[in-house]
Each structure stands twice: as C-alpha cells, then as structure tokens.
Amino acid sequence: MRHGRAVVVGGGIGGLTAVAALRAVGWDAVVVEQARELGQVGAGIQVASNASRVLARLGMGDALAAPAVEPTGIDVRSARTGRLL
C-alpha cells in the first residue's frame, strides 16, 4: 500500500537513510542530489549504536558491519585549550 510521495534533498547518509525508511513503510520516495555520482569523500564516519540499529532494521546491517571497526579508547579534550580532561 502506497502511503504518499516524498522528495529528499541530499544524498548523504541522512538523506539515503530517510529514503530507505520511507520506502520501508510504503512511501514512494526519491533522492535528489547535485553530485553527478555518489562516492567516498572522507576518511570515515562514526555511527552511534542507535543509528546502527536503525540501519540494521532497514536491511543494511551486513553492509555496515563489513568495514566496521570498534574504537579501543576515547580521549576527551577541552574545546578551548585542547588539554586532555
């Protein structure tokens, strides 16, 4: 059953996830993106556990897990001085 139509502007992780979620519940959703093609543009992203669960429910769990690494630690620093807190 089709629920509605949506246009999502932006083909980043948020836009693509929004379209996948809308389609999963029956919406006719499309992405518009100014880039001619999608590709890697940075060194990587950190996906929080809540976001990982959403992506897994949308059927992307295996694709997400394949290149994933878990951090071994964390440093918290002062925004003003850069000093380790």
PDB file of N, CA and C in Angstrom:
ATOM      1  N   MET A   1       0.828  -1.170   0.000  1.00  0.00           N
ATOM      2  CA  MET A   1       0.000   0.000   0.000  1.00  0.00           C
ATOM      3  C   MET A   1       0.882   1.247   0.000  1.00  0.00           C
ATOM      4  N   ARG A   2       0.671   2.146  -0.933  1.00  0.00           N
ATOM      5  CA  ARG A   2       1.438   3.377  -1.019  1.00  0.00           C
ATOM      6  C   ARG A   2       0.826   4.406  -0.070  1.00  0.00           C
ATOM      7  N   HIS A   3       1.678   5.016   0.759  1.00  0.00           N
ATOM      8  CA  HIS A   3       1.210   5.996   1.742  1.00  0.00           C
ATOM      9  C   HIS A   3       1.340   7.428   1.250  1.00  0.00           C
ATOM     10  N   GLY A   4       2.268   7.696   0.388  1.00  0.00           N
ATOM     11  CA  GLY A   4       2.483   9.055  -0.075  1.00  0.00           C
ATOM     12  C   GLY A   4       3.728   9.130  -0.926  1.00  0.00           C
ATOM     13  N   ARG A   5       4.052  10.342  -1.311  1.00  0.00           N
ATOM     14  CA  ARG A   5       5.239  10.568  -2.120  1.00  0.00           C
ATOM     15  C   ARG A   5       6.121  11.578  -1.403  1.00  0.00           C
ATOM     16  N   ALA A   6       7.431  11.381  -1.521  1.00  0.00           N
ATOM     17  CA  ALA A   6       8.372  12.293  -0.866  1.00  0.00           C
ATOM     18  C   ALA A   6       9.590  12.497  -1.748  1.00  0.00           C
ATOM     19  N   VAL A   7      10.133  13.697  -1.691  1.00  0.00           N
ATOM     20  CA  VAL A   7      11.407  14.012  -2.326  1.00  0.00           C
ATOM     21  C   VAL A   7      12.361  14.407  -1.207  1.00  0.00           C
ATOM     22  N   VAL A   8      13.491  13.747  -1.131  1.00  0.00           N
ATOM     23  CA  VAL A   8      14.501  14.043  -0.116  1.00  0.00           C
ATOM     24  C   VAL A   8      15.665  14.723  -0.814  1.00  0.00           C
ATOM     25  N   VAL A   9      16.046  15.881  -0.319  1.00  0.00           N
ATOM     26  CA  VAL A   9      17.134  16.649  -0.911  1.00  0.00           C
ATOM     27  C   VAL A   9      18.429  16.305  -0.189  1.00  0.00           C
ATOM     28  N   GLY A  10      19.367  15.728  -0.916  1.00  0.00           N
ATOM     29  CA  GLY A  10      20.671  15.389  -0.353  1.00  0.00           C
ATOM     30  C   GLY A  10      20.888  13.897  -0.273  1.00  0.00           C
ATOM     31  N   GLY A  11      21.959  13.429  -0.892  1.00  0.00           N
ATOM     32  CA  GLY A  11      22.264  12.006  -0.933  1.00  0.00           C
ATOM     33  C   GLY A  11      23.330  11.579   0.045  1.00  0.00           C
ATOM     34  N   GLY A  12      23.415  12.268   1.179  1.00  0.00           N
ATOM     35  CA  GLY A  12      24.342  11.841   2.229  1.00  0.00           C
ATOM     36  C   GLY A  12      23.728  10.708   3.040  1.00  0.00           C
ATOM     37  N   ILE A  13      24.371  10.340   4.113  1.00  0.00           N
ATOM     38  CA  ILE A  13      23.889   9.222   4.918  1.00  0.00           C
ATOM     39  C   ILE A  13      22.480   9.491   5.459  1.00  0.00           C
ATOM     40  N   GLY A  14      22.200  10.742   5.839  1.00  0.00           N
ATOM     41  CA  GLY A  14      20.873  11.075   6.353  1.00  0.00           C
ATOM     42  C   GLY A  14      19.794  10.983   5.287  1.00  0.00           C
ATOM     43  N   GLY A  15      20.060  11.560   4.118  1.00  0.00           N
ATOM     44  CA  GLY A  15      19.087  11.533   3.038  1.00  0.00           C
ATOM     45  C   GLY A  15      18.815  10.123   2.533  1.00  0.00           C
ATOM     46  N   LEU A  16      19.867   9.345   2.350  1.00  0.00           N
ATOM     47  CA  LEU A  16      19.689   7.968   1.864  1.00  0.00           C
ATOM     48  C   LEU A  16      18.967   7.107   2.898  1.00  0.00           C
ATOM     49  N   THR A  17      19.267   7.316   4.175  1.00  0.00           N
ATOM     50  CA  THR A  17      18.571   6.572   5.226  1.00  0.00           C
ATOM     51  C   THR A  17      17.102   6.976   5.287  1.00  0.00           C
ATOM     52  N   ALA A  18      16.827   8.266   5.132  1.00  0.00           N
ATOM     53  CA  ALA A  18      15.438   8.731   5.136  1.00  0.00           C
ATOM     54  C   ALA A  18      14.642   8.080   4.013  1.00  0.00           C
ATOM     55  N   VAL A  19      15.205   8.023   2.822  1.00  0.00           N
ATOM     56  CA  VAL A  19      14.509   7.398   1.697  1.00  0.00           C
ATOM     57  C   VAL A  19      14.309   5.904   1.944  1.00  0.00           C
ATOM     58  N   ALA A  20      15.312   5.222   2.468  1.00  0.00           N
ATOM     59  CA  ALA A  20      15.166   3.794   2.767  1.00  0.00           C
ATOM     60  C   ALA A  20      14.061   3.562   3.789  1.00  0.00           C
ATOM     61  N   ALA A  21      14.012   4.404   4.828  1.00  0.00           N
ATOM     62  CA  ALA A  21      12.977   4.258   5.861  1.00  0.00           C
ATOM     63  C   ALA A  21      11.590   4.544   5.292  1.00  0.00           C
ATOM     64  N   LEU A  22      11.462   5.583   4.482  1.00  0.00           N
ATOM     65  CA  LEU A  22      10.167   5.896   3.871  1.00  0.00           C
ATOM     66  C   LEU A  22       9.697   4.770   2.962  1.00  0.00           C
ATOM     67  N   ARG A  23      10.597   4.253   2.146  1.00  0.00           N
ATOM     68  CA  ARG A  23      10.234   3.145   1.251  1.00  0.00           C
ATOM     69  C   ARG A  23       9.842   1.899   2.041  1.00  0.00           C
ATOM     70  N   ALA A  24      10.511   1.684   3.184  1.00  0.00           N
ATOM     71  CA  ALA A  24      10.216   0.500   4.003  1.00  0.00           C
ATOM     72  C   ALA A  24       8.792   0.511   4.542  1.00  0.00           C
ATOM     73  N   VAL A  25       8.201   1.700   4.677  1.00  0.00           N
ATOM     74  CA  VAL A  25       6.824   1.788   5.177  1.00  0.00           C
ATOM     75  C   VAL A  25       5.831   2.153   4.077  1.00  0.00           C
ATOM     76  N   GLY A  26       6.263   1.978   2.830  1.00  0.00           N
ATOM     77  CA  GLY A  26       5.327   2.113   1.727  1.00  0.00           C
ATOM     78  C   GLY A  26       5.270   3.442   1.003  1.00  0.00           C
ATOM     79  N   TRP A  27       6.161   4.352   1.286  1.00  0.00           N
ATOM     80  CA  TRP A  27       6.168   5.633   0.591  1.00  0.00           C
ATOM     81  C   TRP A  27       6.917   5.504  -0.733  1.00  0.00           C
ATOM     82  N   ASP A  28       6.533   6.287  -1.711  1.00  0.00           N
ATOM     83  CA  ASP A  28       7.256   6.434  -2.964  1.00  0.00           C
ATOM     84  C   ASP A  28       8.218   7.595  -2.744  1.00  0.00           C
ATOM     85  N   ALA A  29       9.472   7.301  -2.463  1.00  0.00           N
ATOM     86  CA  ALA A  29      10.440   8.331  -2.092  1.00  0.00           C
ATOM     87  C   ALA A  29      11.637   8.312  -3.034  1.00  0.00           C
ATOM     88  N   VAL A  30      12.114   9.507  -3.377  1.00  0.00           N
ATOM     89  CA  VAL A  30      13.286   9.644  -4.237  1.00  0.00           C
ATOM     90  C   VAL A  30      14.257  10.636  -3.618  1.00  0.00           C
ATOM     91  N   VAL A  31      15.517  10.512  -4.002  1.00  0.00           N
ATOM     92  CA  VAL A  31      16.575  11.425  -3.549  1.00  0.00           C
ATOM     93  C   VAL A  31      16.973  12.314  -4.720  1.00  0.00           C
ATOM     94  N   VAL A  32      17.144  13.592  -4.465  1.00  0.00           N
ATOM     95  CA  VAL A  32      17.765  14.484  -5.443  1.00  0.00           C
ATOM     96  C   VAL A  32      19.098  14.945  -4.855  1.00  0.00           C
ATOM     97  N   GLU A  33      20.127  14.895  -5.678  1.00  0.00           N
ATOM     98  CA  GLU A  33      21.485  15.189  -5.224  1.00  0.00           C
ATOM     99  C   GLU A  33      22.199  15.930  -6.337  1.00  0.00           C
ATOM    100  N   GLN A  34      22.927  16.983  -5.991  1.00  0.00           N
ATOM    101  CA  GLN A  34      23.613  17.764  -7.016  1.00  0.00           C
ATOM    102  C   GLN A  34      24.859  17.081  -7.574  1.00  0.00           C
ATOM    103  N   ALA A  35      25.486  16.195  -6.806  1.00  0.00           N
ATOM    104  CA  ALA A  35      26.684  15.496  -7.288  1.00  0.00           C
ATOM    105  C   ALA A  35      26.301  14.524  -8.406  1.00  0.00           C
ATOM    106  N   ARG A  36      27.162  14.410  -9.394  1.00  0.00           N
ATOM    107  CA  ARG A  36      26.888  13.514 -10.522  1.00  0.00           C
ATOM    108  C   ARG A  36      26.908  12.045 -10.116  1.00  0.00           C
ATOM    109  N   GLU A  37      27.732  11.726  -9.124  1.00  0.00           N
ATOM    110  CA  GLU A  37      27.788  10.352  -8.621  1.00  0.00           C
ATOM    111  C   GLU A  37      28.104  10.371  -7.137  1.00  0.00           C
ATOM    112  N   LEU A  38      27.708   9.300  -6.452  1.00  0.00           N
ATOM    113  CA  LEU A  38      27.979   9.174  -5.026  1.00  0.00           C
ATOM    114  C   LEU A  38      29.280   8.413  -4.841  1.00  0.00           C
ATOM    115  N   GLY A  39      30.042   8.807  -3.849  1.00  0.00           N
ATOM    116  CA  GLY A  39      31.294   8.122  -3.575  1.00  0.00           C
ATOM    117  C   GLY A  39      31.828   8.546  -2.221  1.00  0.00           C
ATOM    118  N   GLN A  40      32.934   7.971  -1.849  1.00  0.00           N
ATOM    119  CA  GLN A  40      33.557   8.315  -0.575  1.00  0.00           C
ATOM    120  C   GLN A  40      34.194   9.686  -0.688  1.00  0.00           C
ATOM    121  N   VAL A  41      33.962  10.530   0.316  1.00  0.00           N
ATOM    122  CA  VAL A  41      34.531  11.867   0.286  1.00  0.00           C
ATOM    123  C   VAL A  41      35.348  12.173   1.542  1.00  0.00           C
ATOM    124  N   GLY A  42      35.444  11.248   2.459  1.00  0.00           N
ATOM    125  CA  GLY A  42      36.184  11.499   3.696  1.00  0.00           C
ATOM    126  C   GLY A  42      36.870  10.243   4.178  1.00  0.00           C
ATOM    127  N   ALA A  43      37.472  10.342   5.337  1.00  0.00           N
ATOM    128  CA  ALA A  43      38.211   9.220   5.893  1.00  0.00           C
ATOM    129  C   ALA A  43      37.293   8.173   6.521  1.00  0.00           C
ATOM    130  N   GLY A  44      36.121   8.589   6.952  1.00  0.00           N
ATOM    131  CA  GLY A  44      35.203   7.649   7.592  1.00  0.00           C
ATOM    132  C   GLY A  44      34.193   8.388   8.435  1.00  0.00           C
ATOM    133  N   ILE A  45      33.255   7.642   8.957  1.00  0.00           N
ATOM    134  CA  ILE A  45      32.234   8.231   9.822  1.00  0.00           C
ATOM    135  C   ILE A  45      32.086   7.367  11.061  1.00  0.00           C
ATOM    136  N   GLN A  46      31.587   7.976  12.095  1.00  0.00           N
ATOM    137  CA  GLN A  46      31.252   7.234  13.307  1.00  0.00           C
ATOM    138  C   GLN A  46      29.740   7.125  13.356  1.00  0.00           C
ATOM    139  N   VAL A  47      29.252   5.918  13.478  1.00  0.00           N
ATOM    140  CA  VAL A  47      27.813   5.671  13.546  1.00  0.00           C
ATOM    141  C   VAL A  47      27.484   5.207  14.960  1.00  0.00           C
ATOM    142  N   ALA A  48      26.673   5.988  15.649  1.00  0.00           N
ATOM    143  CA  ALA A  48      26.287   5.658  17.024  1.00  0.00           C
ATOM    144  C   ALA A  48      25.460   4.375  17.053  1.00  0.00           C
ATOM    145  N   SER A  49      25.367   3.762  18.223  1.00  0.00           N
ATOM    146  CA  SER A  49      24.659   2.483  18.343  1.00  0.00           C
ATOM    147  C   SER A  49      23.192   2.593  17.945  1.00  0.00           C
ATOM    148  N   ASN A  50      22.528   3.693  18.284  1.00  0.00           N
ATOM    149  CA  ASN A  50      21.128   3.859  17.883  1.00  0.00           C
ATOM    150  C   ASN A  50      20.999   3.908  16.367  1.00  0.00           C
ATOM    151  N   ALA A  51      21.886   4.631  15.711  1.00  0.00           N
ATOM    152  CA  ALA A  51      21.865   4.712  14.251  1.00  0.00           C
ATOM    153  C   ALA A  51      22.175   3.355  13.631  1.00  0.00           C
ATOM    154  N   SER A  52      23.100   2.614  14.229  1.00  0.00           N
ATOM    155  CA  SER A  52      23.423   1.273  13.724  1.00  0.00           C
ATOM    156  C   SER A  52      22.206   0.358  13.768  1.00  0.00           C
ATOM    157  N   ARG A  53      21.421   0.456  14.828  1.00  0.00           N
ATOM    158  CA  ARG A  53      20.212  -0.372  14.938  1.00  0.00           C
ATOM    159  C   ARG A  53      19.188  -0.009  13.864  1.00  0.00           C
ATOM    160  N   VAL A  54      19.037   1.287  13.592  1.00  0.00           N
ATOM    161  CA  VAL A  54      18.109   1.724  12.543  1.00  0.00           C
ATOM    162  C   VAL A  54      18.567   1.183  11.188  1.00  0.00           C
ATOM    163  N   LEU A  55      19.842   1.338  10.889  1.00  0.00           N
ATOM    164  CA  LEU A  55      20.361   0.855   9.611  1.00  0.00           C
ATOM    165  C   LEU A  55      20.209  -0.667   9.490  1.00  0.00           C
ATOM    166  N   ALA A  56      20.423  -1.386  10.575  1.00  0.00           N
ATOM    167  CA  ALA A  56      20.240  -2.847  10.555  1.00  0.00           C
ATOM    168  C   ALA A  56      18.782  -3.214  10.289  1.00  0.00           C
ATOM    169  N   ARG A  57      17.845  -2.497  10.909  1.00  0.00           N
ATOM    170  CA  ARG A  57      16.416  -2.759  10.671  1.00  0.00           C
ATOM    171  C   ARG A  57      16.007  -2.472   9.240  1.00  0.00           C
ATOM    172  N   LEU A  58      16.734  -1.595   8.581  1.00  0.00           N
ATOM    173  CA  LEU A  58      16.454  -1.274   7.186  1.00  0.00           C
ATOM    174  C   LEU A  58      17.175  -2.225   6.226  1.00  0.00           C
ATOM    175  N   GLY A  59      17.804  -3.250   6.766  1.00  0.00           N
ATOM    176  CA  GLY A  59      18.447  -4.266   5.936  1.00  0.00           C
ATOM    177  C   GLY A  59      19.887  -3.973   5.573  1.00  0.00           C
ATOM    178  N   MET A  60      20.515  -3.038   6.255  1.00  0.00           N
ATOM    179  CA  MET A  60      21.883  -2.651   5.917  1.00  0.00           C
ATOM    180  C   MET A  60      22.911  -3.136   6.923  1.00  0.00           C
ATOM    181  N   GLY A  61      22.514  -4.022   7.808  1.00  0.00           N
ATOM    182  CA  GLY A  61      23.403  -4.480   8.872  1.00  0.00           C
ATOM    183  C   GLY A  61      24.675  -5.130   8.379  1.00  0.00           C
ATOM    184  N   ASP A  62      24.568  -6.044   7.431  1.00  0.00           N
ATOM    185  CA  ASP A  62      25.759  -6.734   6.920  1.00  0.00           C
ATOM    186  C   ASP A  62      26.699  -5.769   6.200  1.00  0.00           C
ATOM    187  N   ALA A  63      26.127  -4.867   5.388  1.00  0.00           N
ATOM    188  CA  ALA A  63      26.955  -3.894   4.664  1.00  0.00           C
ATOM    189  C   ALA A  63      27.646  -2.942   5.628  1.00  0.00           C
ATOM    190  N   LEU A  64      26.992  -2.633   6.735  1.00  0.00           N
ATOM    191  CA  LEU A  64      27.568  -1.747   7.744  1.00  0.00           C
ATOM    192  C   LEU A  64      28.651  -2.464   8.545  1.00  0.00           C
ATOM    193  N   ALA A  65      28.439  -3.726   8.838  1.00  0.00           N
ATOM    194  CA  ALA A  65      29.373  -4.473   9.680  1.00  0.00           C
ATOM    195  C   ALA A  65      30.673  -4.813   8.959  1.00  0.00           C
ATOM    196  N   ALA A  66      30.614  -5.035   7.659  1.00  0.00           N
ATOM    197  CA  ALA A  66      31.796  -5.479   6.913  1.00  0.00           C
ATOM    198  C   ALA A  66      33.005  -4.548   7.085  1.00  0.00           C
ATOM    199  N   PRO A  67      32.876  -3.238   6.884  1.00  0.00           N
ATOM    200  CA  PRO A  67      34.051  -2.373   7.020  1.00  0.00           C
ATOM    201  C   PRO A  67      34.220  -1.780   8.417  1.00  0.00           C
ATOM    202  N   ALA A  68      33.371  -2.157   9.352  1.00  0.00           N
ATOM    203  CA  ALA A  68      33.353  -1.507  10.664  1.00  0.00           C
ATOM    204  C   ALA A  68      34.552  -1.888  11.528  1.00  0.00           C
ATOM    205  N   VAL A  69      34.966  -0.939  12.328  1.00  0.00           N
ATOM    206  CA  VAL A  69      35.961  -1.168  13.375  1.00  0.00           C
ATOM    207  C   VAL A  69      35.430  -0.543  14.648  1.00  0.00           C
ATOM    208  N   GLU A  70      35.805  -1.094  15.774  1.00  0.00           N
ATOM    209  CA  GLU A  70      35.384  -0.545  17.055  1.00  0.00           C
ATOM    210  C   GLU A  70      36.544   0.211  17.679  1.00  0.00           C
ATOM    211  N   PRO A  71      36.269   1.389  18.242  1.00  0.00           N
ATOM    212  CA  PRO A  71      37.352   2.149  18.876  1.00  0.00           C
ATOM    213  C   PRO A  71      37.872   1.408  20.103  1.00  0.00           C
ATOM    214  N   THR A  72      39.148   1.565  20.363  1.00  0.00           N
ATOM    215  CA  THR A  72      39.756   0.916  21.524  1.00  0.00           C
ATOM    216  C   THR A  72      39.794   1.835  22.738  1.00  0.00           C
ATOM    217  N   GLY A  73      39.504   3.127  22.525  1.00  0.00           N
ATOM    218  CA  GLY A  73      39.514   4.072  23.627  1.00  0.00           C
ATOM    219  C   GLY A  73      38.981   5.406  23.163  1.00  0.00           C
ATOM    220  N   ILE A  74      38.943   6.343  24.092  1.00  0.00           N
ATOM    221  CA  ILE A  74      38.443   7.676  23.774  1.00  0.00           C
ATOM    222  C   ILE A  74      39.199   8.696  24.607  1.00  0.00           C
ATOM    223  N   ASP A  75      39.505   9.818  23.988  1.00  0.00           N
ATOM    224  CA  ASP A  75      40.106  10.945  24.700  1.00  0.00           C
ATOM    225  C   ASP A  75      39.091  12.087  24.680  1.00  0.00           C
ATOM    226  N   VAL A  76      38.875  12.709  25.815  1.00  0.00           N
ATOM    227  CA  VAL A  76      38.005  13.877  25.902  1.00  0.00           C
ATOM    228  C   VAL A  76      38.891  15.069  26.190  1.00  0.00           C
ATOM    229  N   ARG A  77      38.793  16.077  25.325  1.00  0.00           N
ATOM    230  CA  ARG A  77      39.669  17.244  25.442  1.00  0.00           C
ATOM    231  C   ARG A  77      38.862  18.524  25.584  1.00  0.00           C
ATOM    232  N   SER A  78      39.468  19.503  26.184  1.00  0.00           N
ATOM    233  CA  SER A  78      38.870  20.820  26.327  1.00  0.00           C
ATOM    234  C   SER A  78      38.781  21.474  24.953  1.00  0.00           C
ATOM    235  N   ALA A  79      37.623  22.060  24.632  1.00  0.00           N
ATOM    236  CA  ALA A  79      37.453  22.753  23.362  1.00  0.00           C
ATOM    237  C   ALA A  79      38.303  24.026  23.312  1.00  0.00           C
ATOM    238  N   ARG A  80      38.541  24.635  24.445  1.00  0.00           N
ATOM    239  CA  ARG A  80      39.311  25.888  24.484  1.00  0.00           C
ATOM    240  C   ARG A  80      40.795  25.666  24.409  1.00  0.00           C
ATOM    241  N   THR A  81      41.311  24.676  25.124  1.00  0.00           N
ATOM    242  CA  THR A  81      42.761  24.522  25.242  1.00  0.00           C
ATOM    243  C   THR A  81      43.310  23.272  24.553  1.00  0.00           C
ATOM    244  N   GLY A  82      42.453  22.328  24.293  1.00  0.00           N
ATOM    245  CA  GLY A  82      42.922  21.059  23.740  1.00  0.00           C
ATOM    246  C   GLY A  82      43.499  20.129  24.780  1.00  0.00           C
ATOM    247  N   ARG A  83      43.478  20.582  26.043  1.00  0.00           N
ATOM    248  CA  ARG A  83      44.026  19.782  27.147  1.00  0.00           C
ATOM    249  C   ARG A  83      43.163  18.550  27.375  1.00  0.00           C
ATOM    250  N   LEU A  84      43.830  17.424  27.621  1.00  0.00           N
ATOM    251  CA  LEU A  84      43.143  16.179  27.939  1.00  0.00           C
ATOM    252  C   LEU A  84      42.421  16.319  29.268  1.00  0.00           C
ATOM    253  N   LEU A  85      41.159  16.011  29.298  1.00  0.00           N
ATOM    254  CA  LEU A  85      40.367  16.125  30.534  1.00  0.00           C
ATOM    255  C   LEU A  85      40.336  14.807  31.282  1.00  0.00           C
TER     256      LEU A  85
END
